[in-house]
């Protein structure tokens, strides 16, 4: 597979369909907070989500699908 090949609309839709929906209320609340107050929750969320992101990427890229709970 050529890494520089452009993805089709169908391929992009398949990739994006696995993402969690956007929480617009949370985004609005965070946007209204001063930078120093929204920095810490973002860092805490990153600590918890990095392993989840890694599992999802691995599950997507491996031929044997893993059961993600």
PDB file of N, CA and C in Angstrom:
ATOM      1  N   UNK A   1       0.845  -1.188   0.000  1.00  0.00           N
ATOM      2  CA  UNK A   1       0.000   0.000   0.000  1.00  0.00           C
ATOM      3  C   UNK A   1       0.882   1.241   0.000  1.00  0.00           C
ATOM      4  N   UNK A   2       0.601   2.156  -0.872  1.00  0.00           N
ATOM      5  CA  UNK A   2       1.356   3.392  -0.994  1.00  0.00           C
ATOM      6  C   UNK A   2       0.927   4.372   0.100  1.00  0.00           C
ATOM      7  N   UNK A   3       1.860   4.776   0.999  1.00  0.00           N
ATOM      8  CA  UNK A   3       1.475   5.686   2.092  1.00  0.00           C
ATOM      9  C   UNK A   3       1.090   7.078   1.611  1.00  0.00           C
ATOM     10  N   UNK A   4       1.478   7.435   0.393  1.00  0.00           N
ATOM     11  CA  UNK A   4       1.155   8.759  -0.140  1.00  0.00           C
ATOM     12  C   UNK A   4      -0.140   8.771  -0.952  1.00  0.00           C
ATOM     13  N   UNK A   5      -0.789   7.611  -1.047  1.00  0.00           N
ATOM     14  CA  UNK A   5      -2.028   7.505  -1.821  1.00  0.00           C
ATOM     15  C   UNK A   5      -3.146   8.232  -1.085  1.00  0.00           C
ATOM     16  N   UNK A   6      -3.955   8.958  -1.833  1.00  0.00           N
ATOM     17  CA  UNK A   6      -5.102   9.637  -1.237  1.00  0.00           C
ATOM     18  C   UNK A   6      -6.193   8.619  -0.908  1.00  0.00           C
ATOM     19  N   UNK A   7      -6.858   8.810   0.212  1.00  0.00           N
ATOM     20  CA  UNK A   7      -7.934   7.914   0.614  1.00  0.00           C
ATOM     21  C   UNK A   7      -9.233   8.312  -0.081  1.00  0.00           C
ATOM     22  N   UNK A   8     -10.038   7.322  -0.378  1.00  0.00           N
ATOM     23  CA  UNK A   8     -11.342   7.594  -0.970  1.00  0.00           C
ATOM     24  C   UNK A   8     -12.310   8.047   0.122  1.00  0.00           C
ATOM     25  N   UNK A   9     -13.427   8.592  -0.271  1.00  0.00           N
ATOM     26  CA  UNK A   9     -14.448   9.015   0.696  1.00  0.00           C
ATOM     27  C   UNK A   9     -14.934   7.833   1.518  1.00  0.00           C
ATOM     28  N   UNK A  10     -15.070   6.674   0.883  1.00  0.00           N
ATOM     29  CA  UNK A  10     -15.523   5.480   1.596  1.00  0.00           C
ATOM     30  C   UNK A  10     -14.501   5.055   2.650  1.00  0.00           C
ATOM     31  N   UNK A  11     -13.205   5.091   2.311  1.00  0.00           N
ATOM     32  CA  UNK A  11     -12.166   4.714   3.266  1.00  0.00           C
ATOM     33  C   UNK A  11     -12.130   5.682   4.447  1.00  0.00           C
ATOM     34  N   UNK A  12     -12.277   6.954   4.172  1.00  0.00           N
ATOM     35  CA  UNK A  12     -12.297   7.948   5.246  1.00  0.00           C
ATOM     36  C   UNK A  12     -13.509   7.748   6.147  1.00  0.00           C
ATOM     37  N   UNK A  13     -14.663   7.459   5.559  1.00  0.00           N
ATOM     38  CA  UNK A  13     -15.881   7.214   6.346  1.00  0.00           C
ATOM     39  C   UNK A  13     -15.715   6.000   7.248  1.00  0.00           C
ATOM     40  N   UNK A  14     -15.066   4.956   6.755  1.00  0.00           N
ATOM     41  CA  UNK A  14     -14.842   3.756   7.563  1.00  0.00           C
ATOM     42  C   UNK A  14     -13.929   4.055   8.746  1.00  0.00           C
ATOM     43  N   UNK A  15     -12.911   4.871   8.524  1.00  0.00           N
ATOM     44  CA  UNK A  15     -11.991   5.232   9.612  1.00  0.00           C
ATOM     45  C   UNK A  15     -12.708   6.082  10.656  1.00  0.00           C
ATOM     46  N   UNK A  16     -13.437   7.098  10.220  1.00  0.00           N
ATOM     47  CA  UNK A  16     -14.089   8.043  11.126  1.00  0.00           C
ATOM     48  C   UNK A  16     -15.252   7.404  11.876  1.00  0.00           C
ATOM     49  N   UNK A  17     -15.888   6.394  11.297  1.00  0.00           N
ATOM     50  CA  UNK A  17     -17.042   5.776  11.951  1.00  0.00           C
ATOM     51  C   UNK A  17     -16.690   5.122  13.281  1.00  0.00           C
ATOM     52  N   UNK A  18     -15.430   4.798  13.503  1.00  0.00           N
ATOM     53  CA  UNK A  18     -15.015   4.179  14.761  1.00  0.00           C
ATOM     54  C   UNK A  18     -14.756   5.164  15.879  1.00  0.00           C
ATOM     55  N   UNK A  19     -14.763   6.469  15.584  1.00  0.00           N
ATOM     56  CA  UNK A  19     -14.489   7.482  16.597  1.00  0.00           C
ATOM     57  C   UNK A  19     -15.714   7.741  17.460  1.00  0.00           C
ATOM     58  N   UNK A  20     -15.463   8.149  18.689  1.00  0.00           N
ATOM     59  CA  UNK A  20     -16.552   8.539  19.577  1.00  0.00           C
ATOM     60  C   UNK A  20     -17.161   9.847  19.067  1.00  0.00           C
ATOM     61  N   UNK A  21     -18.458  10.057  19.314  1.00  0.00           N
ATOM     62  CA  UNK A  21     -19.075  11.313  18.857  1.00  0.00           C
ATOM     63  C   UNK A  21     -18.504  12.513  19.617  1.00  0.00           C
ATOM     64  N   UNK A  22     -18.553  13.675  19.002  1.00  0.00           N
ATOM     65  CA  UNK A  22     -18.044  14.907  19.612  1.00  0.00           C
ATOM     66  C   UNK A  22     -19.037  15.397  20.663  1.00  0.00           C
ATOM     67  N   UNK A  23     -18.538  15.728  21.841  1.00  0.00           N
ATOM     68  CA  UNK A  23     -19.368  16.270  22.914  1.00  0.00           C
ATOM     69  C   UNK A  23     -19.315  17.795  22.815  1.00  0.00           C
ATOM     70  N   UNK A  24     -20.264  18.378  22.073  1.00  0.00           N
ATOM     71  CA  UNK A  24     -20.255  19.806  21.815  1.00  0.00           C
ATOM     72  C   UNK A  24     -20.483  20.624  23.079  1.00  0.00           C
ATOM     73  N   UNK A  25     -21.242  20.113  24.032  1.00  0.00           N
ATOM     74  CA  UNK A  25     -21.468  20.837  25.292  1.00  0.00           C
ATOM     75  C   UNK A  25     -20.157  20.960  26.058  1.00  0.00           C
ATOM     76  N   UNK A  26     -19.398  19.855  26.126  1.00  0.00           N
ATOM     77  CA  UNK A  26     -18.102  19.875  26.811  1.00  0.00           C
ATOM     78  C   UNK A  26     -17.133  20.831  26.116  1.00  0.00           C
ATOM     79  N   UNK A  27     -17.118  20.822  24.798  1.00  0.00           N
ATOM     80  CA  UNK A  27     -16.240  21.726  24.055  1.00  0.00           C
ATOM     81  C   UNK A  27     -16.613  23.178  24.333  1.00  0.00           C
ATOM     82  N   UNK A  28     -17.908  23.472  24.381  1.00  0.00           N
ATOM     83  CA  UNK A  28     -18.369  24.831  24.668  1.00  0.00           C
ATOM     84  C   UNK A  28     -17.963  25.262  26.071  1.00  0.00           C
ATOM     85  N   UNK A  29     -18.116  24.371  27.049  1.00  0.00           N
ATOM     86  CA  UNK A  29     -17.719  24.687  28.429  1.00  0.00           C
ATOM     87  C   UNK A  29     -16.220  24.948  28.523  1.00  0.00           C
ATOM     88  N   UNK A  30     -15.434  24.110  27.884  1.00  0.00           N
ATOM     89  CA  UNK A  30     -13.982  24.289  27.926  1.00  0.00           C
ATOM     90  C   UNK A  30     -13.550  25.569  27.219  1.00  0.00           C
ATOM     91  N   UNK A  31     -14.225  25.919  26.145  1.00  0.00           N
ATOM     92  CA  UNK A  31     -13.875  27.129  25.406  1.00  0.00           C
ATOM     93  C   UNK A  31     -14.107  28.384  26.241  1.00  0.00           C
ATOM     94  N   UNK A  32     -15.058  28.334  27.140  1.00  0.00           N
ATOM     95  CA  UNK A  32     -15.377  29.490  27.979  1.00  0.00           C
ATOM     96  C   UNK A  32     -14.453  29.616  29.188  1.00  0.00           C
ATOM     97  N   UNK A  33     -13.691  28.564  29.496  1.00  0.00           N
ATOM     98  CA  UNK A  33     -12.788  28.584  30.647  1.00  0.00           C
ATOM     99  C   UNK A  33     -11.476  29.272  30.275  1.00  0.00           C
ATOM    100  N   UNK A  34     -10.819  29.918  31.264  1.00  0.00           N
ATOM    101  CA  UNK A  34      -9.490  30.473  30.997  1.00  0.00           C
ATOM    102  C   UNK A  34      -8.502  29.334  30.699  1.00  0.00           C
ATOM    103  N   UNK A  35      -7.459  29.661  29.948  1.00  0.00           N
ATOM    104  CA  UNK A  35      -6.497  28.653  29.510  1.00  0.00           C
ATOM    105  C   UNK A  35      -5.952  27.810  30.657  1.00  0.00           C
ATOM    106  N   UNK A  36      -5.547  28.465  31.750  1.00  0.00           N
ATOM    107  CA  UNK A  36      -4.923  27.725  32.856  1.00  0.00           C
ATOM    108  C   UNK A  36      -5.884  26.725  33.502  1.00  0.00           C
ATOM    109  N   UNK A  37      -7.187  26.982  33.448  1.00  0.00           N
ATOM    110  CA  UNK A  37      -8.162  26.058  34.034  1.00  0.00           C
ATOM    111  C   UNK A  37      -8.517  24.909  33.096  1.00  0.00           C
ATOM    112  N   UNK A  38      -8.414  25.126  31.789  1.00  0.00           N
ATOM    113  CA  UNK A  38      -8.747  24.038  30.874  1.00  0.00           C
ATOM    114  C   UNK A  38      -7.537  23.196  30.520  1.00  0.00           C
ATOM    115  N   UNK A  39      -6.343  23.624  30.885  1.00  0.00           N
ATOM    116  CA  UNK A  39      -5.131  22.871  30.609  1.00  0.00           C
ATOM    117  C   UNK A  39      -5.071  21.586  31.434  1.00  0.00           C
ATOM    118  N   UNK A  40      -5.349  21.672  32.724  1.00  0.00           N
ATOM    119  CA  UNK A  40      -5.243  20.497  33.595  1.00  0.00           C
ATOM    120  C   UNK A  40      -6.228  19.385  33.232  1.00  0.00           C
ATOM    121  N   UNK A  41      -7.518  19.663  33.009  1.00  0.00           N
ATOM    122  CA  UNK A  41      -8.408  18.567  32.595  1.00  0.00           C
ATOM    123  C   UNK A  41      -7.966  17.921  31.283  1.00  0.00           C
ATOM    124  N   UNK A  42      -7.422  18.729  30.379  1.00  0.00           N
ATOM    125  CA  UNK A  42      -6.933  18.171  29.125  1.00  0.00           C
ATOM    126  C   UNK A  42      -5.774  17.232  29.332  1.00  0.00           C
ATOM    127  N   UNK A  43      -4.853  17.604  30.211  1.00  0.00           N
ATOM    128  CA  UNK A  43      -3.712  16.733  30.510  1.00  0.00           C
ATOM    129  C   UNK A  43      -4.157  15.446  31.198  1.00  0.00           C
ATOM    130  N   UNK A  44      -5.112  15.559  32.113  1.00  0.00           N
ATOM    131  CA  UNK A  44      -5.625  14.362  32.790  1.00  0.00           C
ATOM    132  C   UNK A  44      -6.345  13.447  31.806  1.00  0.00           C
ATOM    133  N   UNK A  45      -7.116  14.023  30.904  1.00  0.00           N
ATOM    134  CA  UNK A  45      -7.828  13.213  29.910  1.00  0.00           C
ATOM    135  C   UNK A  45      -6.842  12.515  28.985  1.00  0.00           C
ATOM    136  N   UNK A  46      -5.755  13.178  28.653  1.00  0.00           N
ATOM    137  CA  UNK A  46      -4.757  12.582  27.772  1.00  0.00           C
ATOM    138  C   UNK A  46      -4.117  11.365  28.427  1.00  0.00           C
ATOM    139  N   UNK A  47      -3.857  11.425  29.721  1.00  0.00           N
ATOM    140  CA  UNK A  47      -3.259  10.302  30.429  1.00  0.00           C
ATOM    141  C   UNK A  47      -4.137   9.061  30.319  1.00  0.00           C
ATOM    142  N   UNK A  48      -5.439   9.239  30.431  1.00  0.00           N
ATOM    143  CA  UNK A  48      -6.346   8.099  30.402  1.00  0.00           C
ATOM    144  C   UNK A  48      -6.652   7.645  28.975  1.00  0.00           C
ATOM    145  N   UNK A  49      -6.627   8.567  28.022  1.00  0.00           N
ATOM    146  CA  UNK A  49      -7.053   8.207  26.670  1.00  0.00           C
ATOM    147  C   UNK A  49      -5.940   7.637  25.816  1.00  0.00           C
ATOM    148  N   UNK A  50      -4.671   7.872  26.144  1.00  0.00           N
ATOM    149  CA  UNK A  50      -3.584   7.421  25.282  1.00  0.00           C
ATOM    150  C   UNK A  50      -3.582   5.904  25.123  1.00  0.00           C
ATOM    151  N   UNK A  51      -3.782   5.162  26.210  1.00  0.00           N
ATOM    152  CA  UNK A  51      -3.797   3.705  26.087  1.00  0.00           C
ATOM    153  C   UNK A  51      -5.015   3.248  25.287  1.00  0.00           C
ATOM    154  N   UNK A  52      -6.138   3.938  25.444  1.00  0.00           N
ATOM    155  CA  UNK A  52      -7.340   3.590  24.684  1.00  0.00           C
ATOM    156  C   UNK A  52      -7.132   3.856  23.194  1.00  0.00           C
ATOM    157  N   UNK A  53      -6.497   4.977  22.888  1.00  0.00           N
ATOM    158  CA  UNK A  53      -6.202   5.298  21.491  1.00  0.00           C
ATOM    159  C   UNK A  53      -5.267   4.251  20.902  1.00  0.00           C
ATOM    160  N   UNK A  54      -4.241   3.884  21.645  1.00  0.00           N
ATOM    161  CA  UNK A  54      -3.301   2.867  21.162  1.00  0.00           C
ATOM    162  C   UNK A  54      -4.009   1.546  20.889  1.00  0.00           C
ATOM    163  N   UNK A  55      -4.919   1.144  21.762  1.00  0.00           N
ATOM    164  CA  UNK A  55      -5.648  -0.113  21.561  1.00  0.00           C
ATOM    165  C   UNK A  55      -6.527  -0.043  20.307  1.00  0.00           C
ATOM    166  N   UNK A  56      -7.187   1.094  20.113  1.00  0.00           N
ATOM    167  CA  UNK A  56      -8.060   1.234  18.945  1.00  0.00           C
ATOM    168  C   UNK A  56      -7.260   1.217  17.645  1.00  0.00           C
ATOM    169  N   UNK A  57      -6.124   1.893  17.641  1.00  0.00           N
ATOM    170  CA  UNK A  57      -5.279   1.892  16.440  1.00  0.00           C
ATOM    171  C   UNK A  57      -4.763   0.493  16.174  1.00  0.00           C
ATOM    172  N   UNK A  58      -4.295  -0.179  17.208  1.00  0.00           N
ATOM    173  CA  UNK A  58      -3.801  -1.544  17.048  1.00  0.00           C
ATOM    174  C   UNK A  58      -4.904  -2.475  16.558  1.00  0.00           C
ATOM    175  N   UNK A  59      -6.091  -2.345  17.114  1.00  0.00           N
ATOM    176  CA  UNK A  59      -7.208  -3.185  16.695  1.00  0.00           C
ATOM    177  C   UNK A  59      -7.572  -2.926  15.235  1.00  0.00           C
ATOM    178  N   UNK A  60      -7.464  -1.677  14.815  1.00  0.00           N
ATOM    179  CA  UNK A  60      -7.806  -1.341  13.426  1.00  0.00           C
ATOM    180  C   UNK A  60      -6.759  -1.867  12.448  1.00  0.00           C
ATOM    181  N   UNK A  61      -5.502  -1.831  12.852  1.00  0.00           N
ATOM    182  CA  UNK A  61      -4.426  -2.178  11.938  1.00  0.00           C
ATOM    183  C   UNK A  61      -4.060  -3.653  11.929  1.00  0.00           C
ATOM    184  N   UNK A  62      -4.454  -4.395  12.930  1.00  0.00           N
ATOM    185  CA  UNK A  62      -4.107  -5.821  12.954  1.00  0.00           C
ATOM    186  C   UNK A  62      -5.178  -6.644  12.245  1.00  0.00           C
ATOM    187  N   UNK A  63      -4.744  -7.699  11.560  1.00  0.00           N
ATOM    188  CA  UNK A  63      -5.716  -8.531  10.836  1.00  0.00           C
ATOM    189  C   UNK A  63      -6.678  -9.274  11.769  1.00  0.00           C
ATOM    190  N   UNK A  64      -6.230  -9.593  12.952  1.00  0.00           N
ATOM    191  CA  UNK A  64      -7.091 -10.268  13.927  1.00  0.00           C
ATOM    192  C   UNK A  64      -7.705  -9.179  14.792  1.00  0.00           C
ATOM    193  N   UNK A  65      -9.008  -9.070  14.756  1.00  0.00           N
ATOM    194  CA  UNK A  65      -9.672  -8.018  15.524  1.00  0.00           C
ATOM    195  C   UNK A  65      -9.712  -8.386  17.002  1.00  0.00           C
ATOM    196  N   UNK A  66      -9.441  -7.381  17.851  1.00  0.00           N
ATOM    197  CA  UNK A  66      -9.464  -7.584  19.288  1.00  0.00           C
ATOM    198  C   UNK A  66     -10.791  -7.093  19.829  1.00  0.00           C
ATOM    199  N   UNK A  67     -11.238  -7.709  20.916  1.00  0.00           N
ATOM    200  CA  UNK A  67     -12.472  -7.280  21.559  1.00  0.00           C
ATOM    201  C   UNK A  67     -12.143  -6.134  22.500  1.00  0.00           C
ATOM    202  N   UNK A  68     -12.559  -4.910  22.157  1.00  0.00           N
ATOM    203  CA  UNK A  68     -12.288  -3.737  22.981  1.00  0.00           C
ATOM    204  C   UNK A  68     -13.503  -3.431  23.828  1.00  0.00           C
ATOM    205  N   UNK A  69     -13.282  -3.341  25.112  1.00  0.00           N
ATOM    206  CA  UNK A  69     -14.388  -3.082  26.042  1.00  0.00           C
ATOM    207  C   UNK A  69     -14.271  -1.690  26.588  1.00  0.00           C
TER     208      UNK A  69
END
